[in-house]
N, C-alpha and C. Protein backbone atom coordinates (compact mmCIF):
# COMPACT_ATOMS: atom_id res chain seq x y z
N UNK A 1 3.32 12.53 -11.30
CA UNK A 1 2.93 11.14 -11.31
C UNK A 1 3.85 10.35 -10.39
N UNK A 2 3.30 9.38 -9.70
CA UNK A 2 4.08 8.56 -8.79
C UNK A 2 4.91 7.53 -9.52
N UNK A 3 5.69 6.78 -8.75
CA UNK A 3 6.49 5.72 -9.35
C UNK A 3 6.70 4.59 -8.35
N UNK A 4 6.82 3.39 -8.88
CA UNK A 4 7.20 2.23 -8.10
C UNK A 4 8.71 2.10 -8.21
N UNK A 5 9.39 2.13 -7.08
CA UNK A 5 10.84 1.98 -7.05
C UNK A 5 11.15 0.57 -6.57
N UNK A 6 11.75 -0.21 -7.45
CA UNK A 6 12.11 -1.59 -7.15
C UNK A 6 13.57 -1.61 -6.70
N UNK A 7 13.83 -2.28 -5.56
CA UNK A 7 15.21 -2.34 -5.09
C UNK A 7 15.51 -3.66 -4.40
N UNK A 8 16.76 -4.04 -4.51
CA UNK A 8 17.22 -5.27 -3.87
C UNK A 8 17.48 -5.01 -2.39
N UNK A 9 17.20 -6.04 -1.58
CA UNK A 9 17.50 -5.99 -0.15
C UNK A 9 18.45 -7.15 0.14
N UNK A 10 18.84 -7.29 1.38
CA UNK A 10 19.73 -8.40 1.75
C UNK A 10 19.07 -9.76 1.54
N UNK A 11 17.74 -9.79 1.63
CA UNK A 11 17.03 -11.08 1.56
C UNK A 11 16.16 -11.26 0.33
N UNK A 12 16.15 -10.28 -0.59
CA UNK A 12 15.31 -10.41 -1.78
C UNK A 12 15.13 -9.08 -2.49
N UNK A 13 13.91 -8.83 -2.94
CA UNK A 13 13.60 -7.62 -3.70
C UNK A 13 12.25 -7.08 -3.26
N UNK A 14 12.11 -5.76 -3.21
CA UNK A 14 10.86 -5.13 -2.76
C UNK A 14 10.59 -3.88 -3.57
N UNK A 15 9.41 -3.29 -3.37
CA UNK A 15 9.11 -2.02 -4.02
C UNK A 15 8.55 -1.03 -3.02
N UNK A 16 8.76 0.25 -3.33
CA UNK A 16 8.12 1.36 -2.63
C UNK A 16 7.32 2.12 -3.67
N UNK A 17 6.10 2.49 -3.34
CA UNK A 17 5.33 3.39 -4.18
C UNK A 17 5.59 4.79 -3.66
N UNK A 18 6.12 5.66 -4.53
CA UNK A 18 6.43 7.03 -4.13
C UNK A 18 5.49 8.00 -4.84
N UNK A 19 5.05 9.00 -4.10
CA UNK A 19 4.21 10.06 -4.68
C UNK A 19 5.09 10.97 -5.54
N UNK A 20 4.45 11.88 -6.23
CA UNK A 20 5.17 12.82 -7.10
C UNK A 20 6.25 13.58 -6.34
N UNK A 21 5.99 13.87 -5.06
CA UNK A 21 6.96 14.63 -4.25
C UNK A 21 8.10 13.75 -3.72
N UNK A 22 8.10 12.45 -4.08
CA UNK A 22 9.16 11.55 -3.66
C UNK A 22 8.92 10.85 -2.34
N UNK A 23 7.82 11.18 -1.65
CA UNK A 23 7.51 10.56 -0.37
C UNK A 23 7.00 9.13 -0.58
N UNK A 24 7.48 8.19 0.23
CA UNK A 24 7.01 6.82 0.16
C UNK A 24 5.60 6.75 0.75
N UNK A 25 4.65 6.21 -0.02
CA UNK A 25 3.28 6.11 0.47
C UNK A 25 2.84 4.67 0.70
N UNK A 26 3.57 3.72 0.14
CA UNK A 26 3.27 2.30 0.39
C UNK A 26 4.51 1.47 0.09
N UNK A 27 4.65 0.37 0.81
CA UNK A 27 5.80 -0.51 0.68
C UNK A 27 5.32 -1.95 0.58
N UNK A 28 6.07 -2.75 -0.15
CA UNK A 28 5.71 -4.16 -0.29
C UNK A 28 6.45 -5.02 0.72
N UNK A 29 6.09 -6.29 0.70
CA UNK A 29 6.87 -7.28 1.42
C UNK A 29 8.17 -7.51 0.63
N UNK A 30 9.07 -8.31 1.15
CA UNK A 30 10.28 -8.68 0.42
C UNK A 30 9.97 -9.96 -0.36
N UNK A 31 10.16 -9.88 -1.68
CA UNK A 31 9.91 -11.02 -2.56
C UNK A 31 11.22 -11.75 -2.83
N UNK A 32 11.11 -13.01 -3.24
CA UNK A 32 12.30 -13.80 -3.51
C UNK A 32 12.90 -13.48 -4.88
N UNK A 33 12.09 -12.97 -5.81
CA UNK A 33 12.60 -12.66 -7.14
C UNK A 33 11.86 -11.51 -7.79
N UNK A 34 12.45 -11.00 -8.86
CA UNK A 34 11.89 -9.86 -9.57
C UNK A 34 10.51 -10.16 -10.18
N UNK A 35 10.28 -11.33 -10.79
CA UNK A 35 8.94 -11.59 -11.35
C UNK A 35 7.83 -11.48 -10.29
N UNK A 36 8.07 -12.01 -9.10
CA UNK A 36 7.08 -11.94 -8.02
C UNK A 36 6.86 -10.49 -7.60
N UNK A 37 7.92 -9.71 -7.55
CA UNK A 37 7.83 -8.29 -7.18
C UNK A 37 6.99 -7.53 -8.21
N UNK A 38 7.23 -7.79 -9.49
CA UNK A 38 6.47 -7.13 -10.55
C UNK A 38 5.00 -7.54 -10.51
N UNK A 39 4.73 -8.80 -10.16
CA UNK A 39 3.35 -9.24 -9.99
C UNK A 39 2.69 -8.47 -8.85
N UNK A 40 3.44 -8.22 -7.77
CA UNK A 40 2.94 -7.45 -6.65
C UNK A 40 2.59 -6.03 -7.06
N UNK A 41 3.44 -5.43 -7.87
CA UNK A 41 3.17 -4.07 -8.38
C UNK A 41 1.89 -4.06 -9.20
N UNK A 42 1.76 -5.03 -10.10
CA UNK A 42 0.55 -5.09 -10.93
C UNK A 42 -0.69 -5.29 -10.08
N UNK A 43 -0.57 -6.06 -9.02
CA UNK A 43 -1.68 -6.28 -8.11
C UNK A 43 -2.09 -4.99 -7.41
N UNK A 44 -1.10 -4.20 -6.98
CA UNK A 44 -1.40 -2.91 -6.36
C UNK A 44 -2.08 -1.99 -7.37
N UNK A 45 -1.57 -1.95 -8.60
CA UNK A 45 -2.15 -1.09 -9.63
C UNK A 45 -3.62 -1.40 -9.87
N UNK A 46 -3.97 -2.68 -9.93
CA UNK A 46 -5.35 -3.05 -10.23
C UNK A 46 -6.26 -3.00 -9.01
N UNK A 47 -5.75 -3.41 -7.85
CA UNK A 47 -6.60 -3.47 -6.66
C UNK A 47 -6.82 -2.13 -5.97
N UNK A 48 -5.84 -1.24 -6.02
CA UNK A 48 -5.95 0.04 -5.31
C UNK A 48 -7.13 0.87 -5.81
N UNK A 49 -7.40 0.80 -7.11
CA UNK A 49 -8.45 1.63 -7.70
C UNK A 49 -9.84 1.21 -7.23
N UNK A 50 -10.04 -0.08 -7.05
CA UNK A 50 -11.39 -0.60 -6.73
C UNK A 50 -11.56 -0.91 -5.24
N UNK A 51 -10.49 -0.82 -4.48
CA UNK A 51 -10.54 -1.20 -3.06
C UNK A 51 -11.39 -0.24 -2.24
N UNK A 52 -12.20 -0.83 -1.36
CA UNK A 52 -12.94 -0.04 -0.39
C UNK A 52 -12.06 0.23 0.82
N UNK A 53 -12.60 0.95 1.79
CA UNK A 53 -11.85 1.25 3.02
C UNK A 53 -12.59 0.65 4.20
N UNK A 54 -11.89 -0.21 4.95
CA UNK A 54 -12.41 -0.78 6.18
C UNK A 54 -11.68 -0.10 7.33
N UNK A 55 -12.37 0.78 8.03
CA UNK A 55 -11.73 1.56 9.09
C UNK A 55 -11.88 0.83 10.43
N UNK A 56 -10.84 0.08 10.79
CA UNK A 56 -10.86 -0.72 12.00
C UNK A 56 -10.64 0.12 13.26
N UNK A 57 -10.45 1.43 13.09
CA UNK A 57 -10.30 2.29 14.26
C UNK A 57 -11.67 2.77 14.76
N UNK A 58 -12.71 2.53 13.98
CA UNK A 58 -14.06 2.92 14.39
C UNK A 58 -14.70 1.77 15.15
N UNK A 59 -15.41 2.10 16.22
CA UNK A 59 -16.09 1.08 17.00
C UNK A 59 -17.23 0.51 16.16
N UNK A 60 -17.35 -0.82 16.12
CA UNK A 60 -18.40 -1.48 15.36
C UNK A 60 -18.29 -1.26 13.86
N UNK A 61 -17.05 -1.17 13.37
CA UNK A 61 -16.82 -0.91 11.94
C UNK A 61 -17.45 -2.00 11.07
N UNK A 62 -17.82 -1.62 9.87
CA UNK A 62 -18.39 -2.56 8.91
C UNK A 62 -17.27 -3.28 8.17
N UNK A 63 -17.42 -4.60 8.04
CA UNK A 63 -16.44 -5.38 7.31
C UNK A 63 -16.61 -5.13 5.81
N UNK A 64 -15.51 -4.90 5.12
CA UNK A 64 -15.52 -4.64 3.68
C UNK A 64 -14.89 -5.83 2.97
N UNK A 65 -15.48 -6.21 1.85
CA UNK A 65 -14.96 -7.33 1.06
C UNK A 65 -13.66 -6.92 0.36
N UNK A 66 -12.74 -7.85 0.23
CA UNK A 66 -11.48 -7.59 -0.48
C UNK A 66 -11.76 -7.44 -1.97
N UNK A 67 -11.01 -6.61 -2.69
CA UNK A 67 -9.85 -5.85 -2.24
C UNK A 67 -10.27 -4.69 -1.34
N UNK A 68 -9.39 -4.38 -0.39
CA UNK A 68 -9.71 -3.30 0.54
C UNK A 68 -8.46 -2.72 1.17
N UNK A 69 -8.61 -1.49 1.64
CA UNK A 69 -7.62 -0.87 2.49
C UNK A 69 -8.12 -1.04 3.92
N UNK A 70 -7.30 -1.59 4.79
CA UNK A 70 -7.63 -1.69 6.20
C UNK A 70 -6.89 -0.59 6.94
N UNK A 71 -7.64 0.24 7.65
CA UNK A 71 -7.05 1.30 8.48
C UNK A 71 -7.06 0.78 9.91
N UNK A 72 -5.92 0.87 10.58
CA UNK A 72 -5.81 0.37 11.96
C UNK A 72 -4.79 1.21 12.72
N UNK A 73 -4.77 1.02 14.04
CA UNK A 73 -3.77 1.66 14.90
C UNK A 73 -2.73 0.62 15.28
N UNK A 74 -1.45 1.01 15.20
CA UNK A 74 -0.38 0.09 15.59
C UNK A 74 -0.12 0.19 17.10
N UNK A 75 0.84 -0.57 17.58
CA UNK A 75 1.13 -0.60 19.02
C UNK A 75 1.60 0.75 19.56
N UNK A 76 2.17 1.57 18.68
CA UNK A 76 2.64 2.90 19.09
C UNK A 76 1.52 3.94 19.05
N UNK A 77 0.32 3.52 18.64
CA UNK A 77 -0.80 4.45 18.58
C UNK A 77 -0.89 5.24 17.29
N UNK A 78 -0.09 4.86 16.29
CA UNK A 78 -0.14 5.55 15.00
C UNK A 78 -1.12 4.84 14.07
N UNK A 79 -1.67 5.62 13.13
CA UNK A 79 -2.59 5.08 12.15
C UNK A 79 -1.80 4.53 10.96
N UNK A 80 -2.22 3.38 10.48
CA UNK A 80 -1.58 2.73 9.33
C UNK A 80 -2.66 2.14 8.44
N UNK A 81 -2.27 1.84 7.19
CA UNK A 81 -3.17 1.08 6.34
C UNK A 81 -2.41 -0.04 5.67
N UNK A 82 -3.16 -1.06 5.31
CA UNK A 82 -2.61 -2.15 4.50
C UNK A 82 -3.61 -2.40 3.38
N UNK A 83 -3.08 -2.65 2.18
CA UNK A 83 -3.91 -2.95 1.02
C UNK A 83 -3.94 -4.46 0.85
N UNK A 84 -5.15 -5.00 0.84
CA UNK A 84 -5.33 -6.44 0.64
C UNK A 84 -5.93 -6.70 -0.73
N UNK A 85 -5.39 -7.69 -1.42
CA UNK A 85 -5.89 -8.08 -2.74
C UNK A 85 -7.20 -8.86 -2.60
N UNK A 86 -7.79 -9.21 -3.72
CA UNK A 86 -9.06 -9.96 -3.72
C UNK A 86 -8.96 -11.24 -2.91
N UNK A 87 -7.77 -11.88 -2.92
CA UNK A 87 -7.59 -13.15 -2.20
C UNK A 87 -7.27 -12.95 -0.72
N UNK A 88 -7.25 -11.70 -0.26
CA UNK A 88 -7.00 -11.41 1.15
C UNK A 88 -5.53 -11.23 1.50
N UNK A 89 -4.64 -11.42 0.54
CA UNK A 89 -3.20 -11.28 0.79
C UNK A 89 -2.82 -9.79 0.87
N UNK A 90 -1.98 -9.45 1.84
CA UNK A 90 -1.49 -8.07 1.97
C UNK A 90 -0.48 -7.81 0.87
N UNK A 91 -0.73 -6.76 0.07
CA UNK A 91 0.17 -6.46 -1.05
C UNK A 91 0.93 -5.14 -0.88
N UNK A 92 0.52 -4.32 0.07
CA UNK A 92 1.25 -3.08 0.36
C UNK A 92 0.83 -2.58 1.74
N UNK A 93 1.77 -1.92 2.41
CA UNK A 93 1.51 -1.35 3.73
C UNK A 93 2.03 0.08 3.77
N UNK A 94 1.50 0.85 4.72
CA UNK A 94 1.91 2.25 4.84
C UNK A 94 2.89 2.43 5.98
N UNK A 95 3.40 3.65 6.06
CA UNK A 95 4.14 4.09 7.23
C UNK A 95 3.13 4.42 8.32
N UNK A 96 3.60 4.81 9.49
CA UNK A 96 2.71 5.25 10.55
C UNK A 96 2.37 6.72 10.38
N UNK A 97 1.10 7.06 10.60
CA UNK A 97 0.63 8.44 10.52
C UNK A 97 0.17 8.87 11.91
N UNK A 98 0.41 10.13 12.25
CA UNK A 98 0.01 10.62 13.56
C UNK A 98 -1.48 10.91 13.64
N UNK A 99 -2.12 11.18 12.50
CA UNK A 99 -3.55 11.47 12.50
C UNK A 99 -4.31 10.55 11.54
N UNK A 100 -5.57 10.35 11.84
CA UNK A 100 -6.45 9.53 10.99
C UNK A 100 -6.58 10.17 9.61
N UNK A 101 -6.76 11.49 9.57
CA UNK A 101 -6.91 12.19 8.28
C UNK A 101 -5.70 11.99 7.38
N UNK A 102 -4.50 12.05 7.95
CA UNK A 102 -3.29 11.84 7.15
C UNK A 102 -3.23 10.42 6.60
N UNK A 103 -3.70 9.45 7.37
CA UNK A 103 -3.73 8.06 6.92
C UNK A 103 -4.70 7.93 5.73
N UNK A 104 -5.87 8.53 5.84
CA UNK A 104 -6.84 8.50 4.74
C UNK A 104 -6.27 9.20 3.51
N UNK A 105 -5.56 10.30 3.72
CA UNK A 105 -4.91 10.99 2.60
C UNK A 105 -3.88 10.09 1.93
N UNK A 106 -3.17 9.28 2.72
CA UNK A 106 -2.22 8.31 2.17
C UNK A 106 -2.90 7.31 1.26
N UNK A 107 -4.06 6.81 1.69
CA UNK A 107 -4.83 5.88 0.86
C UNK A 107 -5.25 6.54 -0.44
N UNK A 108 -5.74 7.77 -0.35
CA UNK A 108 -6.15 8.49 -1.57
C UNK A 108 -4.95 8.71 -2.50
N UNK A 109 -3.78 8.93 -1.93
CA UNK A 109 -2.57 9.09 -2.74
C UNK A 109 -2.21 7.80 -3.46
N UNK A 110 -2.37 6.65 -2.78
CA UNK A 110 -2.12 5.37 -3.44
C UNK A 110 -3.11 5.18 -4.59
N UNK A 111 -4.38 5.44 -4.33
CA UNK A 111 -5.41 5.28 -5.37
C UNK A 111 -5.11 6.17 -6.58
N UNK A 112 -4.60 7.36 -6.32
CA UNK A 112 -4.31 8.32 -7.39
C UNK A 112 -3.03 7.96 -8.14
N UNK A 113 -1.98 7.60 -7.40
CA UNK A 113 -0.66 7.40 -8.00
C UNK A 113 -0.41 6.02 -8.59
N UNK A 114 -0.94 4.98 -7.97
CA UNK A 114 -0.58 3.61 -8.37
C UNK A 114 -0.94 3.24 -9.80
N UNK A 115 -2.14 3.54 -10.30
CA UNK A 115 -2.53 3.03 -11.61
C UNK A 115 -1.60 3.41 -12.76
N UNK A 116 -1.09 4.62 -12.75
CA UNK A 116 -0.25 5.10 -13.86
C UNK A 116 1.23 5.21 -13.50
N UNK A 117 1.60 4.77 -12.32
CA UNK A 117 2.98 4.92 -11.86
C UNK A 117 3.94 4.11 -12.71
N UNK A 118 5.05 4.72 -13.05
CA UNK A 118 6.08 4.00 -13.79
C UNK A 118 6.86 3.12 -12.83
N UNK A 119 7.56 2.15 -13.38
CA UNK A 119 8.39 1.25 -12.56
C UNK A 119 9.85 1.56 -12.86
N UNK A 120 10.60 1.89 -11.81
CA UNK A 120 12.02 2.17 -11.95
C UNK A 120 12.81 1.29 -10.99
N UNK A 121 14.04 0.98 -11.36
CA UNK A 121 14.89 0.15 -10.50
C UNK A 121 16.01 0.99 -9.91
N UNK A 122 16.33 0.71 -8.66
CA UNK A 122 17.45 1.41 -7.99
C UNK A 122 18.53 0.43 -7.67
């Protein structure tokens, strides 16, 4: 089972969603306080399960209503995803993946791990 790891940064507090193998599969923005960070975690838990996938790397892709995972290519040519809540706010982002399939696998890992993931502090 995955886990949300909450940790302090120089400018606030953030979380990483880690898969069972310990690999980071999604990261949050930096929040100003712990309550906001925990709200972000709860938002990921509820939105990840119902979110569709909008693949912006496909030509003429279909727009998907939020909540959704947006798949895109970054400036370095790597595939990434961002999870948007119902209100359109980005609540988690991925690392860069070298292949489209690995990016989609990352999304599936978030959908699988987030709902039951425990919350731990570092």
